[in-house]
All heavy atoms as atom14 arrays in JSON, in Angstrom:
{
  "sequence": "HSQLASAAAFLTVKDAAEYLGLSPHTLYVWRHRRQGPPSFRMGPR",
  "atom14_mask": [
    [1, 1, 1, 1, 1, 1, 1, 1, 1, 1, 0, 0, 0, 0],
    [1, 1, 1, 1, 1, 1, 0, 0, 0, 0, 0, 0, 0, 0],
    [1, 1, 1, 1, 1, 1, 1, 1, 1, 0, 0, 0, 0, 0],
    [1, 1, 1, 1, 1, 1, 1, 1, 0, 0, 0, 0, 0, 0],
    [1, 1, 1, 1, 1, 0, 0, 0, 0, 0, 0, 0, 0, 0],
    [1, 1, 1, 1, 1, 1, 0, 0, 0, 0, 0, 0, 0, 0],
    [1, 1, 1, 1, 1, 0, 0, 0, 0, 0, 0, 0, 0, 0],
    [1, 1, 1, 1, 1, 0, 0, 0, 0, 0, 0, 0, 0, 0],
    [1, 1, 1, 1, 1, 0, 0, 0, 0, 0, 0, 0, 0, 0],
    [1, 1, 1, 1, 1, 1, 1, 1, 1, 1, 1, 0, 0, 0],
    [1, 1, 1, 1, 1, 1, 1, 1, 0, 0, 0, 0, 0, 0],
    [1, 1, 1, 1, 1, 1, 1, 0, 0, 0, 0, 0, 0, 0],
    [1, 1, 1, 1, 1, 1, 1, 0, 0, 0, 0, 0, 0, 0],
    [1, 1, 1, 1, 1, 1, 1, 1, 1, 0, 0, 0, 0, 0],
    [1, 1, 1, 1, 1, 1, 1, 1, 0, 0, 0, 0, 0, 0],
    [1, 1, 1, 1, 1, 0, 0, 0, 0, 0, 0, 0, 0, 0],
    [1, 1, 1, 1, 1, 0, 0, 0, 0, 0, 0, 0, 0, 0],
    [1, 1, 1, 1, 1, 1, 1, 1, 1, 0, 0, 0, 0, 0],
    [1, 1, 1, 1, 1, 1, 1, 1, 1, 1, 1, 1, 0, 0],
    [1, 1, 1, 1, 1, 1, 1, 1, 0, 0, 0, 0, 0, 0],
    [1, 1, 1, 1, 0, 0, 0, 0, 0, 0, 0, 0, 0, 0],
    [1, 1, 1, 1, 1, 1, 1, 1, 0, 0, 0, 0, 0, 0],
    [1, 1, 1, 1, 1, 1, 0, 0, 0, 0, 0, 0, 0, 0],
    [1, 1, 1, 1, 1, 1, 1, 0, 0, 0, 0, 0, 0, 0],
    [1, 1, 1, 1, 1, 1, 1, 1, 1, 1, 0, 0, 0, 0],
    [1, 1, 1, 1, 1, 1, 1, 0, 0, 0, 0, 0, 0, 0],
    [1, 1, 1, 1, 1, 1, 1, 1, 0, 0, 0, 0, 0, 0],
    [1, 1, 1, 1, 1, 1, 1, 1, 1, 1, 1, 1, 0, 0],
    [1, 1, 1, 1, 1, 1, 1, 0, 0, 0, 0, 0, 0, 0],
    [1, 1, 1, 1, 1, 1, 1, 1, 1, 1, 1, 1, 1, 1],
    [1, 1, 1, 1, 1, 1, 1, 1, 1, 1, 1, 0, 0, 0],
    [1, 1, 1, 1, 1, 1, 1, 1, 1, 1, 0, 0, 0, 0],
    [1, 1, 1, 1, 1, 1, 1, 1, 1, 1, 1, 0, 0, 0],
    [1, 1, 1, 1, 1, 1, 1, 1, 1, 1, 1, 0, 0, 0],
    [1, 1, 1, 1, 1, 1, 1, 1, 1, 0, 0, 0, 0, 0],
    [1, 1, 1, 1, 0, 0, 0, 0, 0, 0, 0, 0, 0, 0],
    [1, 1, 1, 1, 1, 1, 1, 0, 0, 0, 0, 0, 0, 0],
    [1, 1, 1, 1, 1, 1, 1, 0, 0, 0, 0, 0, 0, 0],
    [1, 1, 1, 1, 1, 1, 0, 0, 0, 0, 0, 0, 0, 0],
    [1, 1, 1, 1, 1, 1, 1, 1, 1, 1, 1, 0, 0, 0],
    [1, 1, 1, 1, 1, 1, 1, 1, 1, 1, 1, 0, 0, 0],
    [1, 1, 1, 1, 1, 1, 1, 1, 0, 0, 0, 0, 0, 0],
    [1, 1, 1, 1, 0, 0, 0, 0, 0, 0, 0, 0, 0, 0],
    [1, 1, 1, 1, 1, 1, 1, 0, 0, 0, 0, 0, 0, 0],
    [1, 1, 1, 1, 1, 1, 1, 1, 1, 1, 1, 0, 0, 0]
  ],
  "atom14_positions": [
    [[0.85, -1.2, 0.04], [0.01, -0.02, -0.06], [0.88, 1.23, 0.04], [0.59, 2.26, -0.74], [-0.9, 0.0, 1.24], [-1.75, 1.14, 1.36], [-2.79, 1.49, 0.51], [-1.69, 2.21, 2.25], [-3.29, 2.62, 0.79], [-2.73, 3.1, 1.86], [0.0, 0.0, 0.0], [0.0, 0.0, 0.0], [0.0, 0.0, 0.0], [0.0, 0.0, 0.0]],
    [[1.87, 1.25, 0.87], [2.6, 2.45, 0.94], [3.58, 2.71, -0.36], [3.79, 3.83, -0.61], [3.62, 2.38, 2.13], [4.54, 1.28, 1.98], [0.0, 0.0, 0.0], [0.0, 0.0, 0.0], [0.0, 0.0, 0.0], [0.0, 0.0, 0.0], [0.0, 0.0, 0.0], [0.0, 0.0, 0.0], [0.0, 0.0, 0.0], [0.0, 0.0, 0.0]],
    [[3.88, 1.64, -1.09], [4.56, 1.98, -2.4], [3.68, 2.6, -3.39], [4.03, 3.26, -4.07], [5.12, 0.62, -2.87], [6.42, 0.0, -2.13], [6.76, -1.34, -2.68], [5.91, -2.24, -2.9], [8.03, -1.66, -2.76], [0.0, 0.0, 0.0], [0.0, 0.0, 0.0], [0.0, 0.0, 0.0], [0.0, 0.0, 0.0], [0.0, 0.0, 0.0]],
    [[2.34, 2.13, -3.39], [1.44, 2.69, -4.25], [1.17, 4.1, -3.99], [1.13, 4.95, -4.67], [0.2, 1.94, -4.28], [0.2, 0.55, -4.9], [-1.17, -0.05, -4.71], [0.45, 0.68, -6.43], [0.0, 0.0, 0.0], [0.0, 0.0, 0.0], [0.0, 0.0, 0.0], [0.0, 0.0, 0.0], [0.0, 0.0, 0.0], [0.0, 0.0, 0.0]],
    [[1.12, 4.45, -2.54], [0.81, 5.76, -2.1], [2.03, 6.62, -2.51], [1.74, 7.83, -2.78], [0.62, 5.78, -0.53], [0.0, 0.0, 0.0], [0.0, 0.0, 0.0], [0.0, 0.0, 0.0], [0.0, 0.0, 0.0], [0.0, 0.0, 0.0], [0.0, 0.0, 0.0], [0.0, 0.0, 0.0], [0.0, 0.0, 0.0], [0.0, 0.0, 0.0]],
    [[3.2, 6.2, -2.42], [4.33, 6.93, -2.64], [4.5, 7.39, -4.21], [5.17, 8.22, -4.5], [5.66, 6.29, -2.19], [5.94, 5.12, -2.89], [0.0, 0.0, 0.0], [0.0, 0.0, 0.0], [0.0, 0.0, 0.0], [0.0, 0.0, 0.0], [0.0, 0.0, 0.0], [0.0, 0.0, 0.0], [0.0, 0.0, 0.0], [0.0, 0.0, 0.0]],
    [[3.76, 6.7, -5.03], [3.76, 6.98, -6.46], [2.57, 7.89, -6.79], [2.65, 8.32, -8.01], [3.68, 5.68, -7.26], [0.0, 0.0, 0.0], [0.0, 0.0, 0.0], [0.0, 0.0, 0.0], [0.0, 0.0, 0.0], [0.0, 0.0, 0.0], [0.0, 0.0, 0.0], [0.0, 0.0, 0.0], [0.0, 0.0, 0.0], [0.0, 0.0, 0.0]],
    [[1.58, 8.03, -5.96], [0.44, 8.72, -6.32], [0.73, 10.31, -6.22], [1.55, 10.81, -5.4], [-0.72, 8.45, -5.35], [0.0, 0.0, 0.0], [0.0, 0.0, 0.0], [0.0, 0.0, 0.0], [0.0, 0.0, 0.0], [0.0, 0.0, 0.0], [0.0, 0.0, 0.0], [0.0, 0.0, 0.0], [0.0, 0.0, 0.0], [0.0, 0.0, 0.0]],
    [[-0.02, 11.06, -7.1], [0.09, 12.54, -7.13], [-0.54, 13.16, -5.96], [-0.26, 14.25, -5.43], [-0.35, 12.97, -8.33], [0.0, 0.0, 0.0], [0.0, 0.0, 0.0], [0.0, 0.0, 0.0], [0.0, 0.0, 0.0], [0.0, 0.0, 0.0], [0.0, 0.0, 0.0], [0.0, 0.0, 0.0], [0.0, 0.0, 0.0], [0.0, 0.0, 0.0]],
    [[-1.75, 12.51, -5.46], [-2.52, 12.98, -4.44], [-2.47, 11.97, -3.28], [-2.64, 10.78, -3.58], [-3.97, 13.26, -4.85], [-4.08, 14.19, -5.93], [-4.22, 13.85, -7.19], [-3.99, 15.57, -5.74], [-4.28, 14.7, -8.25], [-4.05, 16.62, -6.72], [-4.2, 16.12, -8.02], [0.0, 0.0, 0.0], [0.0, 0.0, 0.0], [0.0, 0.0, 0.0]],
    [[-2.4, 12.37, -2.08], [-2.27, 11.58, -0.98], [-3.51, 11.8, 0.06], [-3.77, 12.93, 0.26], [-1.02, 11.63, -0.19], [0.26, 11.44, -1.04], [1.51, 11.62, -0.16], [0.19, 9.97, -1.74], [0.0, 0.0, 0.0], [0.0, 0.0, 0.0], [0.0, 0.0, 0.0], [0.0, 0.0, 0.0], [0.0, 0.0, 0.0], [0.0, 0.0, 0.0]],
    [[-4.11, 10.66, 0.66], [-5.09, 10.86, 1.69], [-4.26, 11.29, 3.09], [-3.0, 11.42, 2.92], [-5.63, 9.56, 2.09], [-4.68, 8.76, 2.46], [-6.32, 9.01, 0.82], [0.0, 0.0, 0.0], [0.0, 0.0, 0.0], [0.0, 0.0, 0.0], [0.0, 0.0, 0.0], [0.0, 0.0, 0.0], [0.0, 0.0, 0.0], [0.0, 0.0, 0.0]],
    [[-5.01, 11.79, 3.94], [-4.42, 12.27, 5.22], [-3.45, 11.13, 5.8], [-2.35, 11.25, 6.27], [-5.44, 12.6, 6.31], [-4.79, 12.79, 7.64], [-6.26, 13.77, 5.82], [0.0, 0.0, 0.0], [0.0, 0.0, 0.0], [0.0, 0.0, 0.0], [0.0, 0.0, 0.0], [0.0, 0.0, 0.0], [0.0, 0.0, 0.0], [0.0, 0.0, 0.0]],
    [[-3.95, 9.8, 5.8], [-3.14, 8.7, 6.24], [-1.81, 8.54, 5.47], [-0.77, 8.44, 6.18], [-3.92, 7.54, 6.21], [-3.32, 6.26, 6.65], [-4.22, 5.04, 6.61], [-3.47, 3.81, 7.02], [-2.58, 3.23, 6.13], [0.0, 0.0, 0.0], [0.0, 0.0, 0.0], [0.0, 0.0, 0.0], [0.0, 0.0, 0.0], [0.0, 0.0, 0.0]],
    [[-2.01, 8.6, 4.12], [-0.67, 8.46, 3.29], [0.18, 9.62, 3.51], [1.44, 9.43, 3.47], [-1.06, 8.21, 1.82], [-1.73, 6.77, 1.72], [-1.37, 6.02, 2.53], [-2.5, 6.76, 0.87], [0.0, 0.0, 0.0], [0.0, 0.0, 0.0], [0.0, 0.0, 0.0], [0.0, 0.0, 0.0], [0.0, 0.0, 0.0], [0.0, 0.0, 0.0]],
    [[-0.34, 10.86, 3.63], [0.46, 12.08, 3.73], [1.1, 12.09, 5.0], [2.34, 12.4, 5.01], [-0.42, 13.34, 3.62], [0.0, 0.0, 0.0], [0.0, 0.0, 0.0], [0.0, 0.0, 0.0], [0.0, 0.0, 0.0], [0.0, 0.0, 0.0], [0.0, 0.0, 0.0], [0.0, 0.0, 0.0], [0.0, 0.0, 0.0], [0.0, 0.0, 0.0]],
    [[0.46, 11.65, 6.14], [1.09, 11.57, 7.42], [2.31, 10.55, 7.38], [3.41, 10.85, 7.87], [0.01, 11.09, 8.39], [0.0, 0.0, 0.0], [0.0, 0.0, 0.0], [0.0, 0.0, 0.0], [0.0, 0.0, 0.0], [0.0, 0.0, 0.0], [0.0, 0.0, 0.0], [0.0, 0.0, 0.0], [0.0, 0.0, 0.0], [0.0, 0.0, 0.0]],
    [[2.0, 9.44, 6.68], [3.19, 8.48, 6.47], [4.35, 9.06, 5.73], [5.47, 8.84, 6.19], [2.65, 7.19, 5.83], [3.63, 5.94, 5.79], [2.89, 4.66, 5.22], [1.79, 4.34, 5.48], [3.67, 4.18, 4.32], [0.0, 0.0, 0.0], [0.0, 0.0, 0.0], [0.0, 0.0, 0.0], [0.0, 0.0, 0.0], [0.0, 0.0, 0.0]],
    [[3.94, 9.72, 4.61], [4.95, 10.33, 3.87], [5.91, 11.39, 4.56], [7.04, 11.39, 4.43], [4.28, 11.06, 2.59], [5.24, 11.66, 1.58], [5.95, 10.68, 0.74], [5.4, 13.08, 1.49], [6.79, 11.33, -0.19], [6.12, 13.6, 0.54], [6.9, 12.63, -0.38], [7.68, 13.29, -1.32], [0.0, 0.0, 0.0], [0.0, 0.0, 0.0]],
    [[5.23, 12.19, 5.41], [5.88, 13.09, 6.2], [6.44, 12.7, 7.58], [7.2, 13.23, 8.24], [5.04, 14.26, 6.51], [4.4, 15.02, 5.47], [3.34, 16.09, 5.83], [5.51, 15.8, 4.77], [0.0, 0.0, 0.0], [0.0, 0.0, 0.0], [0.0, 0.0, 0.0], [0.0, 0.0, 0.0], [0.0, 0.0, 0.0], [0.0, 0.0, 0.0]],
    [[6.17, 11.33, 7.88], [6.61, 10.75, 9.15], [5.9, 11.4, 10.34], [6.48, 11.48, 11.48], [0.0, 0.0, 0.0], [0.0, 0.0, 0.0], [0.0, 0.0, 0.0], [0.0, 0.0, 0.0], [0.0, 0.0, 0.0], [0.0, 0.0, 0.0], [0.0, 0.0, 0.0], [0.0, 0.0, 0.0], [0.0, 0.0, 0.0], [0.0, 0.0, 0.0]],
    [[4.65, 11.74, 10.1], [3.78, 12.41, 11.22], [2.55, 11.5, 11.44], [2.37, 10.5, 10.7], [3.26, 13.8, 10.88], [4.34, 14.84, 10.52], [3.67, 15.99, 9.77], [5.07, 15.25, 11.77], [0.0, 0.0, 0.0], [0.0, 0.0, 0.0], [0.0, 0.0, 0.0], [0.0, 0.0, 0.0], [0.0, 0.0, 0.0], [0.0, 0.0, 0.0]],
    [[1.84, 11.9, 12.41], [0.62, 11.05, 12.74], [-0.6, 11.72, 11.97], [-0.61, 13.05, 11.79], [0.24, 10.93, 14.14], [-0.21, 12.24, 14.56], [0.0, 0.0, 0.0], [0.0, 0.0, 0.0], [0.0, 0.0, 0.0], [0.0, 0.0, 0.0], [0.0, 0.0, 0.0], [0.0, 0.0, 0.0], [0.0, 0.0, 0.0], [0.0, 0.0, 0.0]],
    [[-1.56, 10.93, 11.59], [-2.83, 11.65, 10.88], [-3.33, 12.62, 11.86], [-3.87, 13.72, 11.29], [-3.69, 10.47, 10.6], [-2.82, 9.34, 10.5], [-1.72, 9.5, 11.5], [0.0, 0.0, 0.0], [0.0, 0.0, 0.0], [0.0, 0.0, 0.0], [0.0, 0.0, 0.0], [0.0, 0.0, 0.0], [0.0, 0.0, 0.0], [0.0, 0.0, 0.0]],
    [[-3.41, 12.41, 13.13], [-4.05, 13.38, 13.99], [-3.3, 14.69, 13.88], [-4.0, 15.77, 13.86], [-3.78, 12.87, 15.41], [-4.44, 13.69, 16.46], [-5.59, 14.04, 16.6], [-3.66, 14.49, 17.39], [-5.86, 14.91, 17.54], [-4.64, 15.17, 18.01], [0.0, 0.0, 0.0], [0.0, 0.0, 0.0], [0.0, 0.0, 0.0], [0.0, 0.0, 0.0]],
    [[-1.9, 14.69, 13.9], [-1.2, 15.85, 13.75], [-1.6, 16.74, 12.51], [-1.9, 17.89, 12.59], [0.27, 15.73, 13.58], [0.74, 14.99, 14.86], [1.15, 16.95, 13.41], [0.0, 0.0, 0.0], [0.0, 0.0, 0.0], [0.0, 0.0, 0.0], [0.0, 0.0, 0.0], [0.0, 0.0, 0.0], [0.0, 0.0, 0.0], [0.0, 0.0, 0.0]],
    [[-1.89, 16.1, 11.34], [-2.31, 16.7, 10.12], [-3.58, 17.29, 10.25], [-3.78, 18.36, 9.9], [-2.19, 15.76, 8.94], [-0.9, 15.43, 8.33], [-0.78, 14.54, 7.2], [-0.02, 16.84, 8.03], [0.0, 0.0, 0.0], [0.0, 0.0, 0.0], [0.0, 0.0, 0.0], [0.0, 0.0, 0.0], [0.0, 0.0, 0.0], [0.0, 0.0, 0.0]],
    [[-4.58, 16.51, 11.01], [-5.89, 17.01, 11.19], [-5.89, 18.22, 12.05], [-6.57, 19.25, 11.69], [-6.77, 16.05, 11.82], [-7.31, 14.96, 10.84], [-6.99, 13.64, 10.91], [-8.21, 15.36, 9.72], [-7.6, 12.74, 10.04], [-8.6, 14.47, 8.86], [-8.4, 13.07, 9.0], [-8.95, 12.31, 8.11], [0.0, 0.0, 0.0], [0.0, 0.0, 0.0]],
    [[-5.09, 18.28, 13.09], [-5.09, 19.49, 14.01], [-4.44, 20.66, 13.16], [-4.9, 21.71, 13.23], [-4.06, 19.25, 15.26], [-3.83, 20.41, 15.98], [-4.81, 18.07, 16.13], [0.0, 0.0, 0.0], [0.0, 0.0, 0.0], [0.0, 0.0, 0.0], [0.0, 0.0, 0.0], [0.0, 0.0, 0.0], [0.0, 0.0, 0.0], [0.0, 0.0, 0.0]],
    [[-3.18, 20.39, 12.48], [-2.74, 21.52, 11.64], [-3.82, 22.17, 10.7], [-3.92, 23.19, 10.52], [-1.59, 20.97, 10.94], [-0.35, 20.89, 11.69], [0.0, 21.2, 13.08], [0.9, 20.29, 11.23], [1.13, 20.89, 13.56], [1.83, 20.32, 12.48], [1.34, 19.76, 10.14], [3.17, 19.99, 12.38], [2.77, 19.35, 10.13], [3.49, 19.44, 11.17]],
    [[-4.54, 21.27, 10.01], [-5.47, 21.59, 9.04], [-6.58, 22.57, 9.81], [-6.94, 23.48, 9.15], [-6.18, 20.36, 8.29], [-7.21, 20.81, 7.34], [-7.76, 19.57, 6.62], [-9.02, 19.89, 6.01], [-9.19, 20.5, 4.85], [-8.16, 20.91, 4.15], [-10.43, 20.64, 4.49], [0.0, 0.0, 0.0], [0.0, 0.0, 0.0], [0.0, 0.0, 0.0]],
    [[-7.0, 22.08, 10.88], [-7.93, 22.82, 11.7], [-7.53, 24.19, 12.12], [-8.16, 25.11, 11.99], [-8.35, 22.03, 12.96], [-9.39, 22.75, 13.77], [-10.75, 22.95, 13.49], [-9.27, 23.28, 15.0], [-11.23, 23.65, 14.38], [-10.34, 23.85, 15.31], [0.0, 0.0, 0.0], [0.0, 0.0, 0.0], [0.0, 0.0, 0.0], [0.0, 0.0, 0.0]],
    [[-6.15, 24.28, 12.33], [-5.51, 25.54, 12.66], [-4.95, 26.38, 11.53], [-4.23, 27.31, 11.67], [-4.32, 25.3, 13.73], [-4.85, 24.76, 15.0], [-3.58, 24.41, 15.84], [-3.97, 23.91, 17.17], [-2.98, 23.35, 18.04], [-1.77, 23.2, 17.66], [-3.39, 22.87, 19.11], [0.0, 0.0, 0.0], [0.0, 0.0, 0.0], [0.0, 0.0, 0.0]],
    [[-5.18, 25.73, 10.23], [-4.63, 26.32, 9.13], [-3.23, 26.51, 9.11], [-2.61, 27.48, 8.78], [-5.26, 27.73, 8.82], [-6.79, 27.75, 8.49], [-7.4, 29.09, 8.39], [-8.76, 28.91, 7.66], [-9.71, 28.3, 8.11], [-9.82, 27.59, 9.29], [-11.04, 28.49, 7.49], [0.0, 0.0, 0.0], [0.0, 0.0, 0.0], [0.0, 0.0, 0.0]],
    [[-2.57, 25.36, 9.64], [-1.1, 25.36, 9.61], [-0.73, 24.13, 8.69], [-1.42, 23.37, 8.2], [-0.59, 25.03, 11.05], [-0.82, 26.08, 12.07], [-0.5, 25.62, 13.42], [-0.63, 24.56, 13.91], [-0.04, 26.72, 14.16], [0.0, 0.0, 0.0], [0.0, 0.0, 0.0], [0.0, 0.0, 0.0], [0.0, 0.0, 0.0], [0.0, 0.0, 0.0]],
    [[0.62, 23.87, 8.65], [0.95, 22.68, 7.93], [0.95, 22.84, 6.48], [0.62, 23.88, 5.89], [0.0, 0.0, 0.0], [0.0, 0.0, 0.0], [0.0, 0.0, 0.0], [0.0, 0.0, 0.0], [0.0, 0.0, 0.0], [0.0, 0.0, 0.0], [0.0, 0.0, 0.0], [0.0, 0.0, 0.0], [0.0, 0.0, 0.0], [0.0, 0.0, 0.0]],
    [[1.18, 21.68, 5.77], [1.11, 21.69, 4.3], [-0.28, 21.91, 3.82], [-1.27, 21.53, 4.45], [1.72, 20.31, 3.89], [1.42, 19.48, 5.11], [1.44, 20.4, 6.3], [0.0, 0.0, 0.0], [0.0, 0.0, 0.0], [0.0, 0.0, 0.0], [0.0, 0.0, 0.0], [0.0, 0.0, 0.0], [0.0, 0.0, 0.0], [0.0, 0.0, 0.0]],
    [[-0.48, 22.56, 2.69], [-1.83, 22.86, 2.12], [-2.53, 21.46, 1.79], [-1.95, 20.68, 1.21], [-1.54, 23.63, 0.86], [-0.09, 23.47, 0.44], [0.58, 23.11, 1.83], [0.0, 0.0, 0.0], [0.0, 0.0, 0.0], [0.0, 0.0, 0.0], [0.0, 0.0, 0.0], [0.0, 0.0, 0.0], [0.0, 0.0, 0.0], [0.0, 0.0, 0.0]],
    [[-3.82, 21.57, 2.1], [-4.7, 20.44, 1.79], [-6.08, 20.92, 1.16], [-6.3, 22.04, 1.22], [-5.02, 19.71, 3.11], [-5.62, 20.48, 4.06], [0.0, 0.0, 0.0], [0.0, 0.0, 0.0], [0.0, 0.0, 0.0], [0.0, 0.0, 0.0], [0.0, 0.0, 0.0], [0.0, 0.0, 0.0], [0.0, 0.0, 0.0], [0.0, 0.0, 0.0]],
    [[-6.84, 20.0, 0.63], [-8.07, 20.39, 0.08], [-9.04, 19.21, 0.22], [-8.58, 18.04, 0.38], [-7.96, 20.88, -1.31], [-7.35, 19.83, -2.28], [-8.09, 19.06, -3.05], [-5.87, 19.57, -2.29], [-7.55, 18.09, -3.9], [-5.42, 18.57, -3.08], [-6.22, 17.91, -3.87], [0.0, 0.0, 0.0], [0.0, 0.0, 0.0], [0.0, 0.0, 0.0]],
    [[-10.37, 19.43, -0.08], [-11.22, 18.33, -0.17], [-11.5, 17.96, -1.68], [-11.61, 18.79, -2.54], [-12.54, 18.71, 0.48], [-12.47, 18.89, 1.94], [-13.76, 18.98, 2.6], [-13.7, 19.15, 4.04], [-13.5, 18.12, 4.89], [-13.45, 16.91, 4.34], [-13.38, 18.34, 6.29], [0.0, 0.0, 0.0], [0.0, 0.0, 0.0], [0.0, 0.0, 0.0]],
    [[-11.57, 16.68, -1.93], [-11.68, 16.1, -3.25], [-12.74, 15.05, -3.24], [-12.72, 14.3, -2.44], [-10.33, 15.7, -3.73], [-10.43, 15.11, -5.26], [-8.74, 14.95, -5.93], [-8.24, 13.46, -5.17], [0.0, 0.0, 0.0], [0.0, 0.0, 0.0], [0.0, 0.0, 0.0], [0.0, 0.0, 0.0], [0.0, 0.0, 0.0], [0.0, 0.0, 0.0]],
    [[-13.58, 15.14, -4.36], [-14.57, 14.0, -4.53], [-15.88, 14.36, -3.84], [-16.02, 15.31, -3.03], [0.0, 0.0, 0.0], [0.0, 0.0, 0.0], [0.0, 0.0, 0.0], [0.0, 0.0, 0.0], [0.0, 0.0, 0.0], [0.0, 0.0, 0.0], [0.0, 0.0, 0.0], [0.0, 0.0, 0.0], [0.0, 0.0, 0.0], [0.0, 0.0, 0.0]],
    [[-16.88, 13.57, -4.19], [-18.24, 13.72, -3.72], [-18.39, 13.56, -2.12], [-19.13, 14.14, -1.52], [-19.06, 12.64, -4.34], [-18.12, 11.58, -4.88], [-16.68, 12.19, -5.04], [0.0, 0.0, 0.0], [0.0, 0.0, 0.0], [0.0, 0.0, 0.0], [0.0, 0.0, 0.0], [0.0, 0.0, 0.0], [0.0, 0.0, 0.0], [0.0, 0.0, 0.0]],
    [[-17.39, 12.75, -1.57], [-17.5, 12.69, -0.09], [-16.58, 13.58, 0.69], [-16.5, 13.66, 1.79], [-17.06, 11.3, 0.2], [-18.1, 10.18, -0.24], [-17.64, 8.8, -0.17], [-17.68, 8.32, 1.25], [-17.05, 7.21, 1.66], [-16.48, 6.36, 0.8], [-17.12, 6.86, 2.98], [0.0, 0.0, 0.0], [0.0, 0.0, 0.0], [0.0, 0.0, 0.0]]
  ]
}
């Protein structure tokens, strides 16, 4: 799974956290505080 994620142009929170060596919780907190790397919502869900 992580090899496929590392080849993707877009990463989920879980995969981005793994890529950065952080926890998904950290990325959620940063997003809420408008900190950290830029993120966006994609898709119908």
